[in-house]
Amino acid sequence: MAVIYKNNEQILIEIKKIMLETKTTQREIADKLGLKPQGLTKMLNKKNFSFEDARKILATMGYDLIVDFKQPSAE
């Protein structure tokens, strides 16, 4: 089932859900990204959280970020 995300906050919530499900800590992700835990926290909290940030974080947990485009249905 496709989900339509309207902002970065929703994507961050989904990433945090995956972290809980996989029991992955922020420290583990930071280590894999070569960051200090504070650096990862800063990345997660920045206003302009990017596609590339999401892709990197998800990759450390063994996930791919998949983007799909769809025209809205005429109702």
PDB file of N, CA and C in Angstrom:
ATOM      1  N   MET A   1       0.837  -1.174   0.000  1.00  0.00           N
ATOM      2  CA  MET A   1       0.000   0.000   0.000  1.00  0.00           C
ATOM      3  C   MET A   1       0.889   1.247   0.000  1.00  0.00           C
ATOM      4  N   ALA A   2       0.625   2.133  -0.923  1.00  0.00           N
ATOM      5  CA  ALA A   2       1.395   3.371  -1.021  1.00  0.00           C
ATOM      6  C   ALA A   2       0.909   4.372   0.020  1.00  0.00           C
ATOM      7  N   VAL A   3       1.854   5.127   0.536  1.00  0.00           N
ATOM      8  CA  VAL A   3       1.546   6.176   1.501  1.00  0.00           C
ATOM      9  C   VAL A   3       2.012   7.491   0.902  1.00  0.00           C
ATOM     10  N   ILE A   4       1.205   8.514   1.046  1.00  0.00           N
ATOM     11  CA  ILE A   4       1.577   9.836   0.556  1.00  0.00           C
ATOM     12  C   ILE A   4       2.077  10.652   1.736  1.00  0.00           C
ATOM     13  N   TYR A   5       3.359  11.031   1.671  1.00  0.00           N
ATOM     14  CA  TYR A   5       3.960  11.842   2.718  1.00  0.00           C
ATOM     15  C   TYR A   5       3.906  13.297   2.283  1.00  0.00           C
ATOM     16  N   LYS A   6       3.424  14.126   3.167  1.00  0.00           N
ATOM     17  CA  LYS A   6       3.249  15.535   2.831  1.00  0.00           C
ATOM     18  C   LYS A   6       4.377  16.419   3.349  1.00  0.00           C
ATOM     19  N   ASN A   7       5.223  15.876   4.237  1.00  0.00           N
ATOM     20  CA  ASN A   7       6.329  16.680   4.756  1.00  0.00           C
ATOM     21  C   ASN A   7       7.411  15.773   5.327  1.00  0.00           C
ATOM     22  N   ASN A   8       8.548  16.387   5.620  1.00  0.00           N
ATOM     23  CA  ASN A   8       9.696  15.641   6.146  1.00  0.00           C
ATOM     24  C   ASN A   8       9.415  15.018   7.502  1.00  0.00           C
ATOM     25  N   GLU A   9       8.601  15.676   8.305  1.00  0.00           N
ATOM     26  CA  GLU A   9       8.305  15.159   9.645  1.00  0.00           C
ATOM     27  C   GLU A   9       7.675  13.766   9.568  1.00  0.00           C
ATOM     28  N   GLN A  10       6.796  13.565   8.605  1.00  0.00           N
ATOM     29  CA  GLN A  10       6.172  12.250   8.449  1.00  0.00           C
ATOM     30  C   GLN A  10       7.206  11.190   8.061  1.00  0.00           C
ATOM     31  N   ILE A  11       8.150  11.566   7.229  1.00  0.00           N
ATOM     32  CA  ILE A  11       9.205  10.628   6.827  1.00  0.00           C
ATOM     33  C   ILE A  11      10.089  10.299   8.024  1.00  0.00           C
ATOM     34  N   LEU A  12      10.420  11.305   8.823  1.00  0.00           N
ATOM     35  CA  LEU A  12      11.226  11.065  10.019  1.00  0.00           C
ATOM     36  C   LEU A  12      10.510  10.133  10.996  1.00  0.00           C
ATOM     37  N   ILE A  13       9.214  10.289  11.137  1.00  0.00           N
ATOM     38  CA  ILE A  13       8.436   9.403  12.017  1.00  0.00           C
ATOM     39  C   ILE A  13       8.555   7.958  11.529  1.00  0.00           C
ATOM     40  N   GLU A  14       8.447   7.764  10.220  1.00  0.00           N
ATOM     41  CA  GLU A  14       8.560   6.407   9.668  1.00  0.00           C
ATOM     42  C   GLU A  14       9.965   5.842   9.887  1.00  0.00           C
ATOM     43  N   ILE A  15      10.990   6.665   9.726  1.00  0.00           N
ATOM     44  CA  ILE A  15      12.355   6.205   9.972  1.00  0.00           C
ATOM     45  C   ILE A  15      12.506   5.789  11.434  1.00  0.00           C
ATOM     46  N   LYS A  16      11.960   6.575  12.338  1.00  0.00           N
ATOM     47  CA  LYS A  16      12.058   6.248  13.769  1.00  0.00           C
ATOM     48  C   LYS A  16      11.280   4.972  14.104  1.00  0.00           C
ATOM     49  N   LYS A  17      10.168   4.734  13.408  1.00  0.00           N
ATOM     50  CA  LYS A  17       9.427   3.474  13.594  1.00  0.00           C
ATOM     51  C   LYS A  17      10.294   2.291  13.181  1.00  0.00           C
ATOM     52  N   ILE A  18      10.983   2.437  12.044  1.00  0.00           N
ATOM     53  CA  ILE A  18      11.862   1.359  11.571  1.00  0.00           C
ATOM     54  C   ILE A  18      12.983   1.122  12.574  1.00  0.00           C
ATOM     55  N   MET A  19      13.515   2.210  13.142  1.00  0.00           N
ATOM     56  CA  MET A  19      14.564   2.063  14.154  1.00  0.00           C
ATOM     57  C   MET A  19      14.051   1.253  15.339  1.00  0.00           C
ATOM     58  N   LEU A  20      12.826   1.529  15.774  1.00  0.00           N
ATOM     59  CA  LEU A  20      12.247   0.771  16.889  1.00  0.00           C
ATOM     60  C   LEU A  20      12.023  -0.688  16.516  1.00  0.00           C
ATOM     61  N   GLU A  21      11.461  -0.914  15.321  1.00  0.00           N
ATOM     62  CA  GLU A  21      11.166  -2.283  14.876  1.00  0.00           C
ATOM     63  C   GLU A  21      12.436  -3.116  14.744  1.00  0.00           C
ATOM     64  N   THR A  22      13.511  -2.497  14.276  1.00  0.00           N
ATOM     65  CA  THR A  22      14.758  -3.231  14.060  1.00  0.00           C
ATOM     66  C   THR A  22      15.693  -3.152  15.264  1.00  0.00           C
ATOM     67  N   LYS A  23      15.220  -2.439  16.306  1.00  0.00           N
ATOM     68  CA  LYS A  23      16.025  -2.252  17.517  1.00  0.00           C
ATOM     69  C   LYS A  23      17.400  -1.657  17.181  1.00  0.00           C
ATOM     70  N   THR A  24      17.388  -0.685  16.276  1.00  0.00           N
ATOM     71  CA  THR A  24      18.603   0.011  15.873  1.00  0.00           C
ATOM     72  C   THR A  24      18.694   1.319  16.642  1.00  0.00           C
ATOM     73  N   THR A  25      19.832   1.549  17.276  1.00  0.00           N
ATOM     74  CA  THR A  25      19.997   2.778  18.054  1.00  0.00           C
ATOM     75  C   THR A  25      20.566   3.890  17.180  1.00  0.00           C
ATOM     76  N   GLN A  26      20.367   5.120  17.645  1.00  0.00           N
ATOM     77  CA  GLN A  26      20.955   6.256  16.940  1.00  0.00           C
ATOM     78  C   GLN A  26      22.477   6.150  16.944  1.00  0.00           C
ATOM     79  N   ARG A  27      23.027   5.627  18.019  1.00  0.00           N
ATOM     80  CA  ARG A  27      24.489   5.462  18.104  1.00  0.00           C
ATOM     81  C   ARG A  27      24.977   4.508  17.006  1.00  0.00           C
ATOM     82  N   GLU A  28      24.263   3.402  16.779  1.00  0.00           N
ATOM     83  CA  GLU A  28      24.657   2.449  15.738  1.00  0.00           C
ATOM     84  C   GLU A  28      24.627   3.100  14.358  1.00  0.00           C
ATOM     85  N   ILE A  29      23.572   3.858  14.107  1.00  0.00           N
ATOM     86  CA  ILE A  29      23.461   4.536  12.812  1.00  0.00           C
ATOM     87  C   ILE A  29      24.578   5.565  12.669  1.00  0.00           C
ATOM     88  N   ALA A  30      24.797   6.353  13.710  1.00  0.00           N
ATOM     89  CA  ALA A  30      25.846   7.372  13.670  1.00  0.00           C
ATOM     90  C   ALA A  30      27.202   6.723  13.393  1.00  0.00           C
ATOM     91  N   ASP A  31      27.499   5.622  14.070  1.00  0.00           N
ATOM     92  CA  ASP A  31      28.772   4.922  13.852  1.00  0.00           C
ATOM     93  C   ASP A  31      28.918   4.492  12.395  1.00  0.00           C
ATOM     94  N   LYS A  32      27.859   3.930  11.823  1.00  0.00           N
ATOM     95  CA  LYS A  32      27.908   3.467  10.430  1.00  0.00           C
ATOM     96  C   LYS A  32      28.064   4.630   9.456  1.00  0.00           C
ATOM     97  N   LEU A  33      27.565   5.809   9.840  1.00  0.00           N
ATOM     98  CA  LEU A  33      27.671   6.979   8.970  1.00  0.00           C
ATOM     99  C   LEU A  33      28.949   7.768   9.233  1.00  0.00           C
ATOM    100  N   GLY A  34      29.722   7.325  10.229  1.00  0.00           N
ATOM    101  CA  GLY A  34      30.947   8.045  10.571  1.00  0.00           C
ATOM    102  C   GLY A  34      30.682   9.362  11.273  1.00  0.00           C
ATOM    103  N   LEU A  35      29.566   9.413  12.006  1.00  0.00           N
ATOM    104  CA  LEU A  35      29.187  10.616  12.741  1.00  0.00           C
ATOM    105  C   LEU A  35      29.221  10.352  14.239  1.00  0.00           C
ATOM    106  N   LYS A  36      29.275  11.428  14.994  1.00  0.00           N
ATOM    107  CA  LYS A  36      29.053  11.324  16.429  1.00  0.00           C
ATOM    108  C   LYS A  36      27.539  11.276  16.623  1.00  0.00           C
ATOM    109  N   PRO A  37      27.057  10.686  17.715  1.00  0.00           N
ATOM    110  CA  PRO A  37      25.601  10.645  17.939  1.00  0.00           C
ATOM    111  C   PRO A  37      24.954  12.028  17.862  1.00  0.00           C
ATOM    112  N   GLN A  38      25.665  13.061  18.327  1.00  0.00           N
ATOM    113  CA  GLN A  38      25.117  14.419  18.255  1.00  0.00           C
ATOM    114  C   GLN A  38      24.959  14.869  16.803  1.00  0.00           C
ATOM    115  N   GLY A  39      25.863  14.416  15.937  1.00  0.00           N
ATOM    116  CA  GLY A  39      25.780  14.755  14.515  1.00  0.00           C
ATOM    117  C   GLY A  39      24.545  14.150  13.872  1.00  0.00           C
ATOM    118  N   LEU A  40      24.222  12.919  14.261  1.00  0.00           N
ATOM    119  CA  LEU A  40      23.019  12.280  13.730  1.00  0.00           C
ATOM    120  C   LEU A  40      21.778  12.991  14.259  1.00  0.00           C
ATOM    121  N   THR A  41      21.766  13.338  15.536  1.00  0.00           N
ATOM    122  CA  THR A  41      20.623  14.063  16.103  1.00  0.00           C
ATOM    123  C   THR A  41      20.416  15.374  15.360  1.00  0.00           C
ATOM    124  N   LYS A  42      21.511  16.054  15.074  1.00  0.00           N
ATOM    125  CA  LYS A  42      21.431  17.320  14.340  1.00  0.00           C
ATOM    126  C   LYS A  42      20.850  17.081  12.941  1.00  0.00           C
ATOM    127  N   MET A  43      21.289  16.000  12.283  1.00  0.00           N
ATOM    128  CA  MET A  43      20.781  15.670  10.950  1.00  0.00           C
ATOM    129  C   MET A  43      19.278  15.396  11.003  1.00  0.00           C
ATOM    130  N   LEU A  44      18.836  14.632  12.003  1.00  0.00           N
ATOM    131  CA  LEU A  44      17.424  14.276  12.116  1.00  0.00           C
ATOM    132  C   LEU A  44      16.544  15.481  12.443  1.00  0.00           C
ATOM    133  N   ASN A  45      17.100  16.460  13.116  1.00  0.00           N
ATOM    134  CA  ASN A  45      16.305  17.601  13.562  1.00  0.00           C
ATOM    135  C   ASN A  45      16.396  18.819  12.650  1.00  0.00           C
ATOM    136  N   LYS A  46      17.233  18.749  11.616  1.00  0.00           N
ATOM    137  CA  LYS A  46      17.376  19.941  10.777  1.00  0.00           C
ATOM    138  C   LYS A  46      16.124  20.156   9.923  1.00  0.00           C
ATOM    139  N   LYS A  47      15.859  21.418   9.666  1.00  0.00           N
ATOM    140  CA  LYS A  47      14.645  21.794   8.941  1.00  0.00           C
ATOM    141  C   LYS A  47      14.657  21.281   7.509  1.00  0.00           C
ATOM    142  N   ASN A  48      15.817  21.269   6.898  1.00  0.00           N
ATOM    143  CA  ASN A  48      15.914  20.853   5.498  1.00  0.00           C
ATOM    144  C   ASN A  48      16.419  19.414   5.372  1.00  0.00           C
ATOM    145  N   PHE A  49      15.865  18.510   6.198  1.00  0.00           N
ATOM    146  CA  PHE A  49      16.185  17.077   6.126  1.00  0.00           C
ATOM    147  C   PHE A  49      15.955  16.636   4.678  1.00  0.00           C
ATOM    148  N   SER A  50      16.962  16.033   4.087  1.00  0.00           N
ATOM    149  CA  SER A  50      16.910  15.780   2.644  1.00  0.00           C
ATOM    150  C   SER A  50      16.658  14.313   2.294  1.00  0.00           C
ATOM    151  N   PHE A  51      16.359  14.119   1.021  1.00  0.00           N
ATOM    152  CA  PHE A  51      16.217  12.785   0.450  1.00  0.00           C
ATOM    153  C   PHE A  51      17.492  11.992   0.720  1.00  0.00           C
ATOM    154  N   GLU A  52      18.648  12.624   0.512  1.00  0.00           N
ATOM    155  CA  GLU A  52      19.926  11.946   0.699  1.00  0.00           C
ATOM    156  C   GLU A  52      20.144  11.566   2.157  1.00  0.00           C
ATOM    157  N   ASP A  53      19.732  12.438   3.089  1.00  0.00           N
ATOM    158  CA  ASP A  53      19.834  12.105   4.519  1.00  0.00           C
ATOM    159  C   ASP A  53      19.010  10.853   4.814  1.00  0.00           C
ATOM    160  N   ALA A  54      17.772  10.840   4.341  1.00  0.00           N
ATOM    161  CA  ALA A  54      16.884   9.690   4.572  1.00  0.00           C
ATOM    162  C   ALA A  54      17.476   8.426   3.955  1.00  0.00           C
ATOM    163  N   ARG A  55      17.981   8.546   2.731  1.00  0.00           N
ATOM    164  CA  ARG A  55      18.552   7.388   2.043  1.00  0.00           C
ATOM    165  C   ARG A  55      19.728   6.803   2.815  1.00  0.00           C
ATOM    166  N   LYS A  56      20.615   7.659   3.303  1.00  0.00           N
ATOM    167  CA  LYS A  56      21.790   7.201   4.052  1.00  0.00           C
ATOM    168  C   LYS A  56      21.381   6.485   5.346  1.00  0.00           C
ATOM    169  N   ILE A  57      20.463   7.089   6.076  1.00  0.00           N
ATOM    170  CA  ILE A  57      20.029   6.508   7.352  1.00  0.00           C
ATOM    171  C   ILE A  57      19.356   5.162   7.114  1.00  0.00           C
ATOM    172  N   LEU A  58      18.460   5.101   6.140  1.00  0.00           N
ATOM    173  CA  LEU A  58      17.767   3.847   5.843  1.00  0.00           C
ATOM    174  C   LEU A  58      18.739   2.767   5.371  1.00  0.00           C
ATOM    175  N   ALA A  59      19.727   3.151   4.586  1.00  0.00           N
ATOM    176  CA  ALA A  59      20.706   2.175   4.081  1.00  0.00           C
ATOM    177  C   ALA A  59      21.461   1.511   5.228  1.00  0.00           C
ATOM    178  N   THR A  60      21.741   2.261   6.304  1.00  0.00           N
ATOM    179  CA  THR A  60      22.460   1.653   7.435  1.00  0.00           C
ATOM    180  C   THR A  60      21.633   0.568   8.106  1.00  0.00           C
ATOM    181  N   MET A  61      20.298   0.627   7.913  1.00  0.00           N
ATOM    182  CA  MET A  61      19.421  -0.383   8.517  1.00  0.00           C
ATOM    183  C   MET A  61      19.007  -1.440   7.499  1.00  0.00           C
ATOM    184  N   GLY A  62      19.582  -1.376   6.305  1.00  0.00           N
ATOM    185  CA  GLY A  62      19.292  -2.389   5.286  1.00  0.00           C
ATOM    186  C   GLY A  62      18.036  -2.106   4.483  1.00  0.00           C
ATOM    187  N   TYR A  63      17.626  -0.842   4.406  1.00  0.00           N
ATOM    188  CA  TYR A  63      16.434  -0.462   3.659  1.00  0.00           C
ATOM    189  C   TYR A  63      16.806   0.411   2.469  1.00  0.00           C
ATOM    190  N   ASP A  64      16.007   0.319   1.409  1.00  0.00           N
ATOM    191  CA  ASP A  64      16.114   1.226   0.272  1.00  0.00           C
ATOM    192  C   ASP A  64      15.014   2.264   0.397  1.00  0.00           C
ATOM    193  N   LEU A  65      15.293   3.460  -0.062  1.00  0.00           N
ATOM    194  CA  LEU A  65      14.283   4.506  -0.121  1.00  0.00           C
ATOM    195  C   LEU A  65      13.730   4.499  -1.540  1.00  0.00           C
ATOM    196  N   ILE A  66      12.442   4.270  -1.666  1.00  0.00           N
ATOM    197  CA  ILE A  66      11.803   4.178  -2.975  1.00  0.00           C
ATOM    198  C   ILE A  66      10.833   5.342  -3.107  1.00  0.00           C
ATOM    199  N   VAL A  67      10.951   6.053  -4.212  1.00  0.00           N
ATOM    200  CA  VAL A  67      10.076   7.192  -4.474  1.00  0.00           C
ATOM    201  C   VAL A  67       9.251   6.872  -5.704  1.00  0.00           C
ATOM    202  N   ASP A  68       7.988   7.199  -5.648  1.00  0.00           N
ATOM    203  CA  ASP A  68       7.085   6.957  -6.772  1.00  0.00           C
ATOM    204  C   ASP A  68       6.307   8.237  -7.030  1.00  0.00           C
ATOM    205  N   PHE A  69       5.981   8.489  -8.256  1.00  0.00           N
ATOM    206  CA  PHE A  69       5.210   9.668  -8.624  1.00  0.00           C
ATOM    207  C   PHE A  69       3.870   9.234  -9.207  1.00  0.00           C
ATOM    208  N   LYS A  70       2.826   9.965  -8.838  1.00  0.00           N
ATOM    209  CA  LYS A  70       1.481   9.602  -9.272  1.00  0.00           C
ATOM    210  C   LYS A  70       0.670  10.875  -9.445  1.00  0.00           C
ATOM    211  N   GLN A  71      -0.044  10.957 -10.530  1.00  0.00           N
ATOM    212  CA  GLN A  71      -0.933  12.098 -10.723  1.00  0.00           C
ATOM    213  C   GLN A  71      -2.157  11.906  -9.826  1.00  0.00           C
ATOM    214  N   PRO A  72      -2.643  12.992  -9.249  1.00  0.00           N
ATOM    215  CA  PRO A  72      -3.844  12.862  -8.420  1.00  0.00           C
ATOM    216  C   PRO A  72      -5.031  12.421  -9.268  1.00  0.00           C
ATOM    217  N   SER A  73      -5.876  11.619  -8.688  1.00  0.00           N
ATOM    218  CA  SER A  73      -7.050  11.167  -9.423  1.00  0.00           C
ATOM    219  C   SER A  73      -8.072  12.292  -9.476  1.00  0.00           C
ATOM    220  N   ALA A  74      -8.749  12.412 -10.590  1.00  0.00           N
ATOM    221  CA  ALA A  74      -9.760  13.451 -10.759  1.00  0.00           C
ATOM    222  C   ALA A  74     -11.052  12.995 -10.081  1.00  0.00           C
ATOM    223  N   GLU A  75     -11.459  13.731  -9.104  1.00  0.00           N
ATOM    224  CA  GLU A  75     -12.694  13.369  -8.380  1.00  0.00           C
ATOM    225  C   GLU A  75     -13.704  14.459  -8.507  1.00  0.00           C
TER     226      GLU A  75
END
